[in-house]
C-alpha atoms as a PDB file:
ATOM      1  CA  UNK A   1     -16.970 -97.724 -14.623  1.00  0.00           C
ATOM      2  CA  UNK A   2     -14.782 -96.124 -12.104  1.00  0.00           C
ATOM      3  CA  UNK A   3     -12.106 -93.665 -12.855  1.00  0.00           C
ATOM      4  CA  UNK A   4      -8.863 -93.974 -11.099  1.00  0.00           C
ATOM      5  CA  UNK A   5      -5.982 -91.706 -11.336  1.00  0.00           C
ATOM      6  CA  UNK A   6      -2.527 -92.239 -10.270  1.00  0.00           C
ATOM      7  CA  UNK A   7      -0.880 -89.028  -9.319  1.00  0.00           C
ATOM      8  CA  UNK A   8       1.970 -90.701  -7.812  1.00  0.00           C
ATOM      9  CA  UNK A   9       3.801 -89.552  -4.773  1.00  0.00           C
ATOM     10  CA  UNK A  10       3.429 -85.931  -3.823  1.00  0.00           C
ATOM     11  CA  UNK A  11       6.395 -83.837  -4.628  1.00  0.00           C
ATOM     12  CA  UNK A  12       7.418 -80.436  -3.415  1.00  0.00           C
ATOM     13  CA  UNK A  13       8.319 -77.538  -5.615  1.00  0.00           C
ATOM     14  CA  UNK A  14      11.835 -77.507  -6.835  1.00  0.00           C
ATOM     15  CA  UNK A  15      14.299 -75.543  -4.692  1.00  0.00           C
ATOM     16  CA  UNK A  16      14.791 -71.990  -6.000  1.00  0.00           C
ATOM     17  CA  UNK A  17      18.241 -70.746  -5.230  1.00  0.00           C
ATOM     18  CA  UNK A  18      18.476 -67.389  -3.328  1.00  0.00           C
ATOM     19  CA  UNK A  19      20.520 -64.443  -4.413  1.00  0.00           C
ATOM     20  CA  UNK A  20      24.204 -65.019  -4.553  1.00  0.00           C
ATOM     21  CA  UNK A  21      26.120 -64.177  -1.412  1.00  0.00           C
ATOM     22  CA  UNK A  22      27.940 -60.867  -1.384  1.00  0.00           C
ATOM     23  CA  UNK A  23      27.954 -57.409   0.146  1.00  0.00           C
ATOM     24  CA  UNK A  24      24.765 -55.412  -0.044  1.00  0.00           C
ATOM     25  CA  UNK A  25      22.613 -58.301  -1.094  1.00  0.00           C
ATOM     26  CA  UNK A  26      20.657 -58.622   2.103  1.00  0.00           C
ATOM     27  CA  UNK A  27      19.894 -55.415   4.013  1.00  0.00           C
ATOM     28  CA  UNK A  28      21.149 -55.447   7.595  1.00  0.00           C
ATOM     29  CA  UNK A  29      17.682 -54.414   8.777  1.00  0.00           C
ATOM     30  CA  UNK A  30      14.193 -55.355   7.657  1.00  0.00           C
ATOM     31  CA  UNK A  31      12.842 -51.764   7.068  1.00  0.00           C
ATOM     32  CA  UNK A  32      14.375 -48.406   6.179  1.00  0.00           C
ATOM     33  CA  UNK A  33      15.423 -46.356   9.197  1.00  0.00           C
ATOM     34  CA  UNK A  34      12.942 -43.844  10.570  1.00  0.00           C
ATOM     35  CA  UNK A  35      15.449 -42.151  12.806  1.00  0.00           C
ATOM     36  CA  UNK A  36      15.374 -38.368  12.228  1.00  0.00           C
ATOM     37  CA  UNK A  37      12.327 -38.437   9.907  1.00  0.00           C
ATOM     38  CA  UNK A  38      10.266 -36.187  12.215  1.00  0.00           C
ATOM     39  CA  UNK A  39      13.188 -33.824  12.522  1.00  0.00           C
ATOM     40  CA  UNK A  40      13.449 -33.428   8.737  1.00  0.00           C
ATOM     41  CA  UNK A  41       9.722 -32.765   8.453  1.00  0.00           C
ATOM     42  CA  UNK A  42       9.981 -30.193  11.238  1.00  0.00           C
ATOM     43  CA  UNK A  43      12.864 -28.437   9.503  1.00  0.00           C
ATOM     44  CA  UNK A  44      11.008 -28.470   6.201  1.00  0.00           C
ATOM     45  CA  UNK A  45       7.847 -27.006   7.729  1.00  0.00           C
ATOM     46  CA  UNK A  46       9.866 -24.422   9.653  1.00  0.00           C
ATOM     47  CA  UNK A  47      11.687 -23.255   6.548  1.00  0.00           C
ATOM     48  CA  UNK A  48       8.430 -23.105   4.570  1.00  0.00           C
ATOM     49  CA  UNK A  49       6.796 -21.062   7.349  1.00  0.00           C
ATOM     50  CA  UNK A  50       9.812 -18.738   7.404  1.00  0.00           C
ATOM     51  CA  UNK A  51       9.579 -18.166   3.659  1.00  0.00           C
ATOM     52  CA  UNK A  52       5.837 -17.415   3.937  1.00  0.00           C
ATOM     53  CA  UNK A  53       6.473 -14.950   6.777  1.00  0.00           C
ATOM     54  CA  UNK A  54       9.205 -13.214   4.772  1.00  0.00           C
ATOM     55  CA  UNK A  55       6.998 -12.928   1.691  1.00  0.00           C
ATOM     56  CA  UNK A  56       3.953 -11.698   3.622  1.00  0.00           C
ATOM     57  CA  UNK A  57       6.084  -9.384   5.742  1.00  0.00           C
ATOM     58  CA  UNK A  58       7.626  -7.940   2.599  1.00  0.00           C
ATOM     59  CA  UNK A  59       4.159  -7.392   1.140  1.00  0.00           C
ATOM     60  CA  UNK A  60       2.942  -5.632   4.278  1.00  0.00           C
ATOM     61  CA  UNK A  61       6.076  -3.489   4.365  1.00  0.00           C
ATOM     62  CA  UNK A  62       5.563  -2.599   0.699  1.00  0.00           C
ATOM     63  CA  UNK A  63       1.930  -1.596   1.324  1.00  0.00           C
ATOM     64  CA  UNK A  64       2.951   0.552   4.284  1.00  0.00           C
ATOM     65  CA  UNK A  65       5.661   2.167   2.172  1.00  0.00           C
ATOM     66  CA  UNK A  66       3.234   2.892  -0.643  1.00  0.00           C
ATOM     67  CA  UNK A  67       0.722   4.365   1.814  1.00  0.00           C
ATOM     68  CA  UNK A  68       3.309   6.625   3.445  1.00  0.00           C
ATOM     69  CA  UNK A  69       4.647   7.690   0.068  1.00  0.00           C
ATOM     70  CA  UNK A  70       1.177   8.444  -1.314  1.00  0.00           C
ATOM     71  CA  UNK A  71       0.221  10.421   1.798  1.00  0.00           C
ATOM     72  CA  UNK A  72       3.416  12.446   1.534  1.00  0.00           C
ATOM     73  CA  UNK A  73       2.805  13.144  -2.140  1.00  0.00           C
ATOM     74  CA  UNK A  74      -0.769  14.316  -1.496  1.00  0.00           C
ATOM     75  CA  UNK A  75       0.466  16.560   1.343  1.00  0.00           C
ATOM     76  CA  UNK A  76       3.064  18.126  -0.955  1.00  0.00           C
ATOM     77  CA  UNK A  77       0.566  18.709  -3.775  1.00  0.00           C
ATOM     78  CA  UNK A  78      -1.974  20.268  -1.391  1.00  0.00           C
ATOM     79  CA  UNK A  79       0.695  22.480   0.193  1.00  0.00           C
ATOM     80  CA  UNK A  80       1.818  23.643  -3.247  1.00  0.00           C
ATOM     81  CA  UNK A  81      -1.737  24.554  -4.283  1.00  0.00           C
ATOM     82  CA  UNK A  82      -2.530  26.491  -1.098  1.00  0.00           C
ATOM     83  CA  UNK A  83       0.910  28.165  -0.972  1.00  0.00           C
ATOM     84  CA  UNK A  84       0.704  29.299  -4.590  1.00  0.00           C
ATOM     85  CA  UNK A  85      -2.759  30.738  -3.956  1.00  0.00           C
ATOM     86  CA  UNK A  86      -1.799  32.542  -0.740  1.00  0.00           C
ATOM     87  CA  UNK A  87       1.463  33.842  -2.226  1.00  0.00           C
ATOM     88  CA  UNK A  88      -0.482  35.317  -5.149  1.00  0.00           C
ATOM     89  CA  UNK A  89      -3.003  36.938  -2.772  1.00  0.00           C
ATOM     90  CA  UNK A  90      -0.196  38.326  -0.564  1.00  0.00           C
ATOM     91  CA  UNK A  91       1.595  39.766  -3.617  1.00  0.00           C
ATOM     92  CA  UNK A  92      -1.714  41.261  -4.817  1.00  0.00           C
ATOM     93  CA  UNK A  93      -1.531  39.239  -8.052  1.00  0.00           C
ATOM     94  CA  UNK A  94      -5.278  38.736  -8.053  1.00  0.00           C
ATOM     95  CA  UNK A  95      -5.531  37.435 -11.622  1.00  0.00           C
ATOM     96  CA  UNK A  96      -3.006  34.703 -10.787  1.00  0.00           C
ATOM     97  CA  UNK A  97      -4.853  33.877  -7.563  1.00  0.00           C
ATOM     98  CA  UNK A  98      -8.148  33.680  -9.465  1.00  0.00           C
ATOM     99  CA  UNK A  99      -6.634  31.231 -11.973  1.00  0.00           C
ATOM    100  CA  UNK A 100      -5.635  28.964  -9.064  1.00  0.00           C
ATOM    101  CA  UNK A 101      -9.258  28.652  -7.911  1.00  0.00           C
ATOM    102  CA  UNK A 102     -11.268  25.534  -8.708  1.00  0.00           C
ATOM    103  CA  UNK A 103     -13.725  25.540 -11.609  1.00  0.00           C
ATOM    104  CA  UNK A 104     -16.858  25.599  -9.435  1.00  0.00           C
ATOM    105  CA  UNK A 105     -15.672  28.721  -7.592  1.00  0.00           C
ATOM    106  CA  UNK A 106     -14.770  30.437 -10.865  1.00  0.00           C
ATOM    107  CA  UNK A 107     -18.267  29.662 -12.172  1.00  0.00           C
ATOM    108  CA  UNK A 108     -19.846  31.259  -9.084  1.00  0.00           C
ATOM    109  CA  UNK A 109     -17.658  34.370  -9.083  1.00  0.00           C
ATOM    110  CA  UNK A 110     -16.081  36.388 -11.903  1.00  0.00           C
ATOM    111  CA  UNK A 111     -12.498  37.626 -11.756  1.00  0.00           C
ATOM    112  CA  UNK A 112     -13.688  41.198 -11.058  1.00  0.00           C
ATOM    113  CA  UNK A 113     -15.993  40.006  -8.249  1.00  0.00           C
ATOM    114  CA  UNK A 114     -13.157  37.955  -6.786  1.00  0.00           C
ATOM    115  CA  UNK A 115     -10.775  40.916  -6.846  1.00  0.00           C
ATOM    116  CA  UNK A 116     -13.377  43.200  -5.224  1.00  0.00           C
ATOM    117  CA  UNK A 117     -14.012  40.652  -2.482  1.00  0.00           C
ATOM    118  CA  UNK A 118     -10.321  39.973  -1.774  1.00  0.00           C
ATOM    119  CA  UNK A 119      -9.342  43.671  -1.650  1.00  0.00           C
ATOM    120  CA  UNK A 120     -12.118  44.239   0.904  1.00  0.00           C
ATOM    121  CA  UNK A 121     -10.716  41.595   3.276  1.00  0.00           C
ATOM    122  CA  UNK A 122      -7.811  41.941   5.718  1.00  0.00           C
ATOM    123  CA  UNK A 123      -4.402  41.525   4.083  1.00  0.00           C
ATOM    124  CA  UNK A 124      -2.658  38.245   4.868  1.00  0.00           C
ATOM    125  CA  UNK A 125       1.035  38.796   5.641  1.00  0.00           C
ATOM    126  CA  UNK A 126       2.044  35.285   6.680  1.00  0.00           C
ATOM    127  CA  UNK A 127       0.722  31.751   6.967  1.00  0.00           C
ATOM    128  CA  UNK A 128       1.528  28.263   8.236  1.00  0.00           C
ATOM    129  CA  UNK A 129       0.036  25.176   6.637  1.00  0.00           C
ATOM    130  CA  UNK A 130      -1.247  22.175   8.557  1.00  0.00           C
ATOM    131  CA  UNK A 131      -1.753  18.559   7.532  1.00  0.00           C
ATOM    132  CA  UNK A 132      -3.915  17.813   4.509  1.00  0.00           C
ATOM    133  CA  UNK A 133      -7.092  15.873   5.314  1.00  0.00           C
ATOM    134  CA  UNK A 134      -7.893  13.633   2.356  1.00  0.00           C
ATOM    135  CA  UNK A 135     -11.371  12.759   3.671  1.00  0.00           C
ATOM    136  CA  UNK A 136     -12.612  16.350   3.865  1.00  0.00           C
ATOM    137  CA  UNK A 137     -10.206  17.551   1.100  1.00  0.00           C
ATOM    138  CA  UNK A 138      -9.155  20.453   3.297  1.00  0.00           C
ATOM    139  CA  UNK A 139      -6.022  21.876   4.850  1.00  0.00           C
ATOM    140  CA  UNK A 140      -5.845  24.002   7.986  1.00  0.00           C
ATOM    141  CA  UNK A 141      -4.024  27.320   7.538  1.00  0.00           C
ATOM    142  CA  UNK A 142      -2.886  29.582  10.363  1.00  0.00           C
ATOM    143  CA  UNK A 143      -2.771  33.094   8.910  1.00  0.00           C
ATOM    144  CA  UNK A 144      -1.371  36.337  10.220  1.00  0.00           C
ATOM    145  CA  UNK A 145      -2.937  39.620   9.095  1.00  0.00           C
ATOM    146  CA  UNK A 146      -1.239  42.995   8.642  1.00  0.00           C
ATOM    147  CA  UNK A 147      -3.006  44.186  11.800  1.00  0.00           C
ATOM    148  CA  UNK A 148      -1.079  41.562  13.805  1.00  0.00           C
ATOM    149  CA  UNK A 149      -4.144  39.411  14.405  1.00  0.00           C
ATOM    150  CA  UNK A 150      -4.103  35.746  13.532  1.00  0.00           C
ATOM    151  CA  UNK A 151      -6.753  33.188  12.671  1.00  0.00           C
ATOM    152  CA  UNK A 152      -7.074  29.539  11.841  1.00  0.00           C
ATOM    153  CA  UNK A 153      -8.688  29.126   8.447  1.00  0.00           C
ATOM    154  CA  UNK A 154      -9.447  26.081   6.352  1.00  0.00           C
ATOM    155  CA  UNK A 155      -8.595  25.813   2.686  1.00  0.00           C
ATOM    156  CA  UNK A 156     -11.107  23.644   0.839  1.00  0.00           C
ATOM    157  CA  UNK A 157      -9.489  21.877  -2.106  1.00  0.00           C
ATOM    158  CA  UNK A 158     -10.724  20.113  -5.191  1.00  0.00           C
ATOM    159  CA  UNK A 159      -8.863  18.115  -7.792  1.00  0.00           C
ATOM    160  CA  UNK A 160      -8.880  19.473 -11.345  1.00  0.00           C
ATOM    161  CA  UNK A 161     -10.340  16.820 -13.646  1.00  0.00           C
ATOM    162  CA  UNK A 162      -8.087  17.847 -16.551  1.00  0.00           C
ATOM    163  CA  UNK A 163      -4.702  18.190 -14.842  1.00  0.00           C
ATOM    164  CA  UNK A 164      -5.183  16.162 -11.658  1.00  0.00           C
ATOM    165  CA  UNK A 165      -3.717  19.030  -9.624  1.00  0.00           C
ATOM    166  CA  UNK A 166      -5.330  20.387  -6.475  1.00  0.00           C
ATOM    167  CA  UNK A 167      -7.059  23.773  -6.665  1.00  0.00           C
ATOM    168  CA  UNK A 168      -8.300  26.019  -3.851  1.00  0.00           C
ATOM    169  CA  UNK A 169     -12.083  26.350  -3.754  1.00  0.00           C
ATOM    170  CA  UNK A 170     -12.367  28.514  -0.665  1.00  0.00           C
ATOM    171  CA  UNK A 171     -10.405  29.855   2.257  1.00  0.00           C
ATOM    172  CA  UNK A 172     -12.453  30.543   5.340  1.00  0.00           C
ATOM    173  CA  UNK A 173     -13.251  29.649   8.912  1.00  0.00           C
END
């Protein structure tokens, strides 16, 4: 037995109507415009780079400012310690000068020994302080003696662990 089918004549799909006519229904071009796209990307990247430079530049400037400020503060603290010590020695206030010495120097030498040693040295009548060296923890001091002679000495400093202030450990060549 043979099967036969009758599909009839071939028909096409029914006609689907398009969108209604009117403004804005069909775009006047097949793809969105690319005109100026590279320019916008360039501007965007340029602005982003500018912001990064400003932020990094501000950070570098802040670090430089902190460094300068910290160096100035250390210089001032070292100058104060050495000046206080030398002023006490000049004024022959030996007990005050001894109290301004660092702990290790006070352990090595009593107040009486310190006074005997200082009174046996030439009398300092004037001084000029140099720049504090944080690496060697020292400060150069140009001193003038009562004899008129002058010398360049170095004040070795140490930081007090209790107060954080600088103290003079020694003053010598």
